Amino acid sequence: MIRQSLFFKGPREVEIREEPLASPGPGQVLVQTLLSAISPGTEMLIYRGQVPGDLAVDETIAALAGRFGFPLKYGYAVIGRAVVLGEGVPGEWQDRLVFAFNPHESHFLANLEELLLPPAPLSPEAAVFFPHMETAVTFIMDGQPQLGEQVVVFGQGVVGLLLTGLLARLPLAGLVTLDLHPSRRRLSTDWGAHLSLDPGAPGSLEQLLERWSGPASYRGADLCYEVSGNPGALEQAIAVTGFHGRVVIGSWYGLKRADLNLGGRFHRSRMRLISSQVSTIAPELSGRWSKFRRYLLAWRLLQETAPVPLITHRFPLAQAARAYELLDQNPAEALQVILTY
């Protein structure tokens, strides 16, 4: 058969190509894609040509083998149905709704162990948020927010909003978010932030610190998350974090450089910078937490948080170039963009 696959050809160039696809082999299924979600973080770095070409795409996902470099197939949030079963695949897989960490393409082959089964109550549009929720869960695990802490989140894109929603469930003393776009700041308070500020507005960081400057307060954030994708936000995050506070860096900057001033209060504040990335689990947690356990938690939280309203745009695969252009040129208008098949 022939499938349609999305390729990144070069900076700000995408195209849909037709490719031959074999029948499923033993233990494989042919999946027909229903929809896929564009990652406005990593995929926009690829779209803009801001990723190092010698870096492995993903060392833990078979469908994303190889290295960054054009032309490239990419994507990691696909919902589809198992339409043809290979030899040895149990019949109950026929027509099952499945999730896969797979590039944007109309059909693909997968081994059973590469497919996840969304819980029955979840719609395909809710289930496609699974990688974003798993990432938000990982940020919580790595940051380890504590009872009564003051927490700040820079960036209220899809992952930032899901993270805010999870943090809002905890008995924190304060939860403040920052984002450049007014629409996202309004959503942030809907998702549980006590206050959402514009990081580019004069005096916004001072306003944040003044909230926690009284005689009975700890000045600054106990815990700060940088998930905006903007390297400049990392220095702001360090500036608002208090003594022995933690800064979790969830953004991947690609080729963008973070120019940090570490010669001032940072040196004496015993601050901790924590790199967080969803491909692995921190060693101190891996004895109790497996990926499968984290998967189950992410599925349950998706059922409880109802993320579908975060979808702002849907484009047919044939119009994918318009989808990426929208995310690139008008990020204030777009939050989660979905490709349909």
Protein backbone atom coordinates (compact mmCIF):
# COMPACT_ATOMS: atom_id res chain seq x y z
CA MET A 1 0.00 0.00 0.00
CA ILE A 2 0.94 3.69 -0.19
CA ARG A 3 1.02 5.97 2.84
CA GLN A 4 1.41 9.73 3.24
CA SER A 5 4.24 10.91 5.49
CA LEU A 6 5.23 14.39 6.65
CA PHE A 7 8.85 15.36 6.02
CA PHE A 8 10.79 18.35 7.27
CA LYS A 9 12.77 19.27 4.12
CA GLY A 10 14.74 22.20 5.51
CA PRO A 11 14.21 25.28 7.67
CA ARG A 12 10.52 26.25 7.44
CA GLU A 13 9.87 23.67 4.70
CA VAL A 14 7.56 20.71 5.14
CA GLU A 15 5.99 18.46 2.54
CA ILE A 16 3.79 15.38 2.36
CA ARG A 17 5.37 12.47 0.49
CA GLU A 18 3.91 9.17 -0.64
CA GLU A 19 5.82 6.07 0.43
CA PRO A 20 5.29 2.34 -0.09
CA LEU A 21 4.42 0.38 3.02
CA ALA A 22 4.70 -3.38 3.37
CA SER A 23 2.14 -5.67 4.98
CA PRO A 24 2.61 -6.36 8.70
CA GLY A 25 5.04 -9.13 9.57
CA PRO A 26 4.76 -11.61 12.44
CA GLY A 27 3.91 -9.82 15.68
CA GLN A 28 3.18 -6.52 13.90
CA VAL A 29 0.03 -4.52 13.26
CA LEU A 30 -0.79 -1.98 10.58
CA VAL A 31 -2.10 1.19 12.23
CA GLN A 32 -4.28 3.70 10.40
CA THR A 33 -3.75 7.14 11.93
CA LEU A 34 -6.78 9.12 13.10
CA LEU A 35 -4.99 12.21 14.37
CA SER A 36 -1.60 13.39 15.60
CA ALA A 37 -0.49 16.29 17.78
CA ILE A 38 2.25 18.74 16.84
CA SER A 39 4.75 19.45 19.60
CA PRO A 40 5.14 23.24 19.64
CA GLY A 41 8.49 22.82 21.41
CA THR A 42 10.72 20.23 19.75
CA GLU A 43 8.97 20.30 16.38
CA MET A 44 9.29 24.06 16.08
CA LEU A 45 13.02 23.76 16.76
CA ILE A 46 13.21 21.29 13.87
CA TYR A 47 10.98 23.45 11.67
CA ARG A 48 13.23 26.47 12.27
CA GLY A 49 16.45 24.52 11.78
CA GLN A 50 17.54 25.00 15.40
CA VAL A 51 18.55 21.44 16.31
CA PRO A 52 22.09 19.99 16.21
CA GLY A 53 22.32 17.70 13.18
CA ASP A 54 24.71 15.23 14.83
CA LEU A 55 22.38 14.46 17.76
CA ALA A 56 20.36 11.24 17.91
CA VAL A 57 16.66 11.92 17.44
CA ASP A 58 15.62 9.61 20.28
CA GLU A 59 17.62 6.71 21.65
CA THR A 60 14.62 5.08 23.35
CA ILE A 61 11.95 5.03 20.58
CA ALA A 62 12.44 2.73 17.58
CA ALA A 63 10.23 4.83 15.28
CA LEU A 64 12.51 7.83 15.89
CA ALA A 65 15.85 6.19 15.16
CA GLY A 66 18.54 8.14 13.33
CA ARG A 67 19.90 11.63 13.76
CA PHE A 68 18.51 15.10 13.36
CA GLY A 69 19.11 16.41 9.88
CA PHE A 70 17.03 17.17 6.81
CA PRO A 71 15.04 15.54 5.36
CA LEU A 72 13.48 14.20 8.55
CA LYS A 73 10.28 12.50 9.64
CA TYR A 74 9.35 13.45 13.18
CA GLY A 75 6.47 13.52 15.63
CA TYR A 76 5.63 11.51 18.72
CA ALA A 77 1.91 11.75 19.45
CA VAL A 78 -0.27 9.56 17.22
CA ILE A 79 -3.69 8.02 17.81
CA GLY A 80 -4.88 5.39 15.34
CA ARG A 81 -6.62 2.06 14.92
CA ALA A 82 -5.07 -1.36 14.36
CA VAL A 83 -6.58 -2.31 10.99
CA VAL A 84 -4.48 -5.29 9.83
CA LEU A 85 -2.93 -7.87 12.16
CA GLY A 86 0.24 -9.78 11.39
CA GLU A 87 0.77 -13.44 12.12
CA GLY A 88 0.59 -14.27 15.81
CA VAL A 89 -1.19 -11.07 16.89
CA PRO A 90 -4.26 -11.90 19.04
CA GLY A 91 -7.57 -11.13 17.36
CA GLU A 92 -8.67 -8.76 20.11
CA TRP A 93 -6.26 -6.18 18.67
CA GLN A 94 -8.44 -5.78 15.58
CA ASP A 95 -9.80 -2.20 15.40
CA ARG A 96 -8.38 -1.30 18.83
CA LEU A 97 -7.66 2.37 19.48
CA VAL A 98 -3.91 2.69 20.03
CA PHE A 99 -1.34 5.35 20.86
CA ALA A 100 2.19 5.38 19.40
CA PHE A 101 5.28 7.55 19.64
CA ASN A 102 5.42 7.80 15.86
CA PRO A 103 6.01 10.50 13.22
CA HIS A 104 3.13 12.15 11.38
CA GLU A 105 2.02 9.65 8.73
CA SER A 106 -1.25 8.14 7.56
CA HIS A 107 -0.30 4.50 8.24
CA PHE A 108 2.58 2.75 9.97
CA LEU A 109 3.72 -0.67 11.15
CA ALA A 110 4.36 -1.30 14.82
CA ASN A 111 5.25 -4.18 17.08
CA LEU A 112 2.79 -4.74 19.90
CA GLU A 113 5.24 -3.55 22.54
CA GLU A 114 5.45 -0.19 20.75
CA LEU A 115 1.72 0.49 21.14
CA LEU A 116 -0.17 1.78 24.16
CA LEU A 117 -3.87 1.24 24.79
CA PRO A 118 -5.66 4.39 25.98
CA PRO A 119 -8.28 3.85 28.69
CA ALA A 120 -11.73 3.32 27.21
CA PRO A 121 -13.29 6.56 28.56
CA LEU A 122 -10.73 8.73 26.73
CA SER A 123 -11.62 10.14 23.33
CA PRO A 124 -8.92 10.12 20.63
CA GLU A 125 -8.53 13.89 21.02
CA ALA A 126 -7.92 13.54 24.76
CA ALA A 127 -5.61 10.53 24.37
CA VAL A 128 -3.32 12.38 21.94
CA PHE A 129 -2.21 14.57 24.88
CA PHE A 130 -0.53 11.55 26.48
CA PRO A 131 3.13 12.57 25.80
CA HIS A 132 2.48 16.07 27.14
CA MET A 133 0.92 14.72 30.34
CA GLU A 134 3.74 12.21 30.78
CA THR A 135 6.20 15.10 30.47
CA ALA A 136 4.29 17.15 33.06
CA VAL A 137 4.31 14.16 35.42
CA THR A 138 8.07 13.83 34.95
CA PHE A 139 8.56 17.49 35.84
CA ILE A 140 6.64 16.94 39.07
CA MET A 141 8.74 13.88 39.88
CA ASP A 142 12.01 15.72 39.21
CA GLY A 143 11.04 18.94 41.01
CA GLN A 144 9.52 17.19 44.04
CA PRO A 145 7.28 20.07 45.18
CA GLN A 146 6.75 20.07 48.92
CA LEU A 147 3.89 21.02 51.24
CA GLY A 148 3.61 24.81 51.56
CA GLU A 149 6.22 25.69 48.96
CA GLN A 150 6.18 28.71 46.66
CA VAL A 151 6.31 27.55 43.04
CA VAL A 152 6.79 29.47 39.79
CA VAL A 153 6.31 28.20 36.23
CA PHE A 154 7.75 30.06 33.23
CA GLY A 155 5.83 29.15 30.08
CA GLN A 156 2.15 28.31 29.70
CA GLY A 157 2.09 26.33 26.49
CA VAL A 158 0.40 22.94 26.52
CA VAL A 159 2.93 21.25 28.81
CA GLY A 160 3.16 24.33 31.03
CA LEU A 161 -0.62 24.42 31.48
CA LEU A 162 -0.79 20.70 32.26
CA LEU A 163 2.04 21.17 34.76
CA THR A 164 0.18 24.09 36.34
CA GLY A 165 -2.95 21.95 36.61
CA LEU A 166 -1.03 19.22 38.43
CA LEU A 167 0.73 21.67 40.76
CA ALA A 168 -2.61 23.31 41.59
CA ARG A 169 -3.72 20.01 43.15
CA LEU A 170 -1.01 20.31 45.81
CA PRO A 171 -1.23 22.33 49.06
CA LEU A 172 1.24 24.99 47.94
CA ALA A 173 1.68 28.39 49.57
CA GLY A 174 1.71 30.02 46.15
CA LEU A 175 1.63 29.14 42.45
CA VAL A 176 2.64 31.90 40.03
CA THR A 177 3.03 31.48 36.28
CA LEU A 178 4.52 33.69 33.59
CA ASP A 179 3.81 33.81 29.86
CA LEU A 180 4.09 36.44 27.15
CA HIS A 181 0.59 35.87 25.76
CA PRO A 182 -2.52 37.22 27.55
CA SER A 183 -4.72 34.34 26.36
CA ARG A 184 -2.38 31.82 27.96
CA ARG A 185 -2.22 33.81 31.19
CA ARG A 186 -6.02 33.73 31.39
CA LEU A 187 -6.00 29.98 30.82
CA SER A 188 -3.32 29.61 33.46
CA THR A 189 -5.52 31.01 36.21
CA ASP A 190 -8.36 28.79 34.97
CA TRP A 191 -6.03 25.83 35.43
CA GLY A 192 -5.21 26.81 38.99
CA ALA A 193 -2.46 29.45 39.07
CA HIS A 194 -2.93 32.03 41.84
CA LEU A 195 -1.42 34.71 39.61
CA SER A 196 -0.13 34.83 36.04
CA LEU A 197 2.26 37.58 34.92
CA ASP A 198 3.81 38.86 31.71
CA PRO A 199 7.58 38.18 31.99
CA GLY A 200 8.28 40.99 29.53
CA ALA A 201 6.37 43.66 31.47
CA PRO A 202 8.48 46.14 33.46
CA GLY A 203 8.54 45.22 37.12
CA SER A 204 6.90 41.80 36.75
CA LEU A 205 9.71 39.90 38.49
CA GLU A 206 9.78 42.47 41.29
CA GLN A 207 6.01 42.08 41.66
CA LEU A 208 6.47 38.34 42.00
CA LEU A 209 9.17 38.68 44.65
CA GLU A 210 7.15 41.22 46.62
CA ARG A 211 4.47 38.57 47.17
CA TRP A 212 6.99 36.61 49.21
CA SER A 213 8.94 39.39 50.94
CA GLY A 214 7.24 39.72 54.31
CA PRO A 215 8.94 38.98 57.64
CA ALA A 216 7.27 35.56 57.82
CA SER A 217 7.96 34.66 54.21
CA TYR A 218 10.72 32.90 52.34
CA ARG A 219 11.88 35.35 49.70
CA GLY A 220 11.59 33.90 46.24
CA ALA A 221 10.49 30.59 44.80
CA ASP A 222 11.32 27.33 46.52
CA LEU A 223 10.85 25.66 43.17
CA CYS A 224 10.86 27.15 39.69
CA TYR A 225 10.12 25.47 36.35
CA GLU A 226 11.41 26.81 33.04
CA VAL A 227 9.25 25.29 30.29
CA SER A 228 8.89 28.27 27.94
CA GLY A 229 11.51 27.19 25.39
CA ASN A 230 13.10 30.65 25.70
CA PRO A 231 16.70 30.62 27.00
CA GLY A 232 16.22 34.14 28.34
CA ALA A 233 13.57 32.84 30.70
CA LEU A 234 16.14 30.66 32.45
CA GLU A 235 17.99 33.68 33.79
CA GLN A 236 14.66 35.12 34.95
CA ALA A 237 13.89 31.83 36.68
CA ILE A 238 17.22 31.95 38.51
CA ALA A 239 16.52 35.56 39.50
CA VAL A 240 13.24 34.70 41.27
CA THR A 241 14.44 31.50 42.98
CA GLY A 242 15.36 31.78 46.65
CA PHE A 243 18.19 30.38 48.78
CA HIS A 244 18.75 26.67 48.12
CA GLY A 245 15.82 26.68 45.74
CA ARG A 246 15.49 24.39 42.74
CA VAL A 247 15.17 25.32 39.07
CA VAL A 248 13.88 22.52 36.87
CA ILE A 249 14.85 23.10 33.22
CA GLY A 250 12.23 21.32 31.16
CA SER A 251 12.86 23.25 27.94
CA TRP A 252 15.10 21.97 25.20
CA TYR A 253 16.83 24.92 23.53
CA GLY A 254 18.43 23.08 20.64
CA LEU A 255 21.05 25.39 19.09
CA LYS A 256 19.79 28.41 21.05
CA ARG A 257 22.26 29.46 23.75
CA ALA A 258 21.38 30.42 27.31
CA ASP A 259 23.49 33.43 28.36
CA LEU A 260 23.45 33.27 32.17
CA ASN A 261 24.85 35.63 34.77
CA LEU A 262 26.10 33.25 37.45
CA GLY A 263 28.53 35.68 39.04
CA GLY A 264 26.02 37.38 41.35
CA ARG A 265 23.67 35.96 43.96
CA PHE A 266 23.50 32.58 42.23
CA HIS A 267 26.95 31.61 43.54
CA ARG A 268 26.03 32.23 47.18
CA SER A 269 22.46 30.97 47.09
CA ARG A 270 23.28 27.24 46.88
CA MET A 271 20.70 26.99 44.10
CA ARG A 272 20.20 23.72 42.23
CA LEU A 273 19.65 23.54 38.47
CA ILE A 274 17.92 20.30 37.48
CA SER A 275 17.74 18.95 33.94
CA SER A 276 14.47 17.11 33.31
CA GLN A 277 13.67 15.01 30.26
CA VAL A 278 10.93 12.43 29.79
CA SER A 279 12.95 9.73 28.00
CA THR A 280 14.35 8.48 31.30
CA ILE A 281 13.44 8.31 34.98
CA ALA A 282 15.76 9.80 37.60
CA PRO A 283 18.01 7.08 39.09
CA GLU A 284 16.83 7.72 42.65
CA LEU A 285 13.25 6.97 41.54
CA SER A 286 13.83 4.15 39.07
CA GLY A 287 13.81 1.49 41.77
CA ARG A 288 10.13 2.25 42.43
CA TRP A 289 9.04 3.89 39.20
CA SER A 290 9.05 2.19 35.82
CA LYS A 291 7.95 3.79 32.58
CA PHE A 292 4.84 1.62 32.66
CA ARG A 293 3.87 2.90 36.11
CA ARG A 294 4.39 6.46 34.92
CA TYR A 295 2.30 5.70 31.81
CA LEU A 296 -0.60 4.50 33.96
CA LEU A 297 -0.45 7.65 36.07
CA ALA A 298 -0.42 9.89 32.98
CA TRP A 299 -3.46 8.09 31.53
CA ARG A 300 -5.37 8.50 34.80
CA LEU A 301 -4.53 12.20 35.04
CA LEU A 302 -5.69 12.77 31.45
CA GLN A 303 -9.08 11.37 32.42
CA GLU A 304 -9.24 13.74 35.38
CA THR A 305 -8.01 16.95 33.72
CA ALA A 306 -9.95 16.95 30.40
CA PRO A 307 -7.36 18.66 28.13
CA VAL A 308 -9.35 18.71 24.86
CA PRO A 309 -10.28 22.45 25.17
CA LEU A 310 -6.56 23.21 24.76
CA ILE A 311 -6.87 22.22 21.09
CA THR A 312 -7.14 25.48 19.19
CA HIS A 313 -6.67 24.33 15.57
CA ARG A 314 -7.16 21.21 13.43
CA PHE A 315 -5.59 20.83 9.98
CA PRO A 316 -5.82 17.96 7.49
CA LEU A 317 -2.42 16.35 6.93
CA ALA A 318 -2.34 17.83 3.41
CA GLN A 319 -2.38 21.32 4.98
CA ALA A 320 0.38 20.63 7.50
CA ALA A 321 2.53 23.48 6.12
CA ARG A 322 -0.18 25.93 7.24
CA ALA A 323 -0.19 24.40 10.71
CA TYR A 324 3.55 24.88 11.21
CA GLU A 325 3.44 28.39 9.76
CA LEU A 326 0.71 29.29 12.25
CA LEU A 327 2.73 28.01 15.21
CA ASP A 328 5.83 29.77 13.92
CA GLN A 329 4.33 33.15 13.09
CA ASN A 330 1.33 33.47 15.44
CA PRO A 331 2.00 31.55 18.66
CA ALA A 332 -0.42 33.78 20.56
CA GLU A 333 -3.28 32.35 18.48
CA ALA A 334 -2.31 28.68 18.61
CA LEU A 335 -1.95 26.35 21.54
CA GLN A 336 -2.37 22.67 20.68
CA VAL A 337 -2.52 22.09 16.92
CA ILE A 338 -3.79 18.73 15.65
CA LEU A 339 -3.31 17.05 12.27
CA THR A 340 -6.26 14.99 11.06
CA TYR A 341 -6.24 12.05 8.62
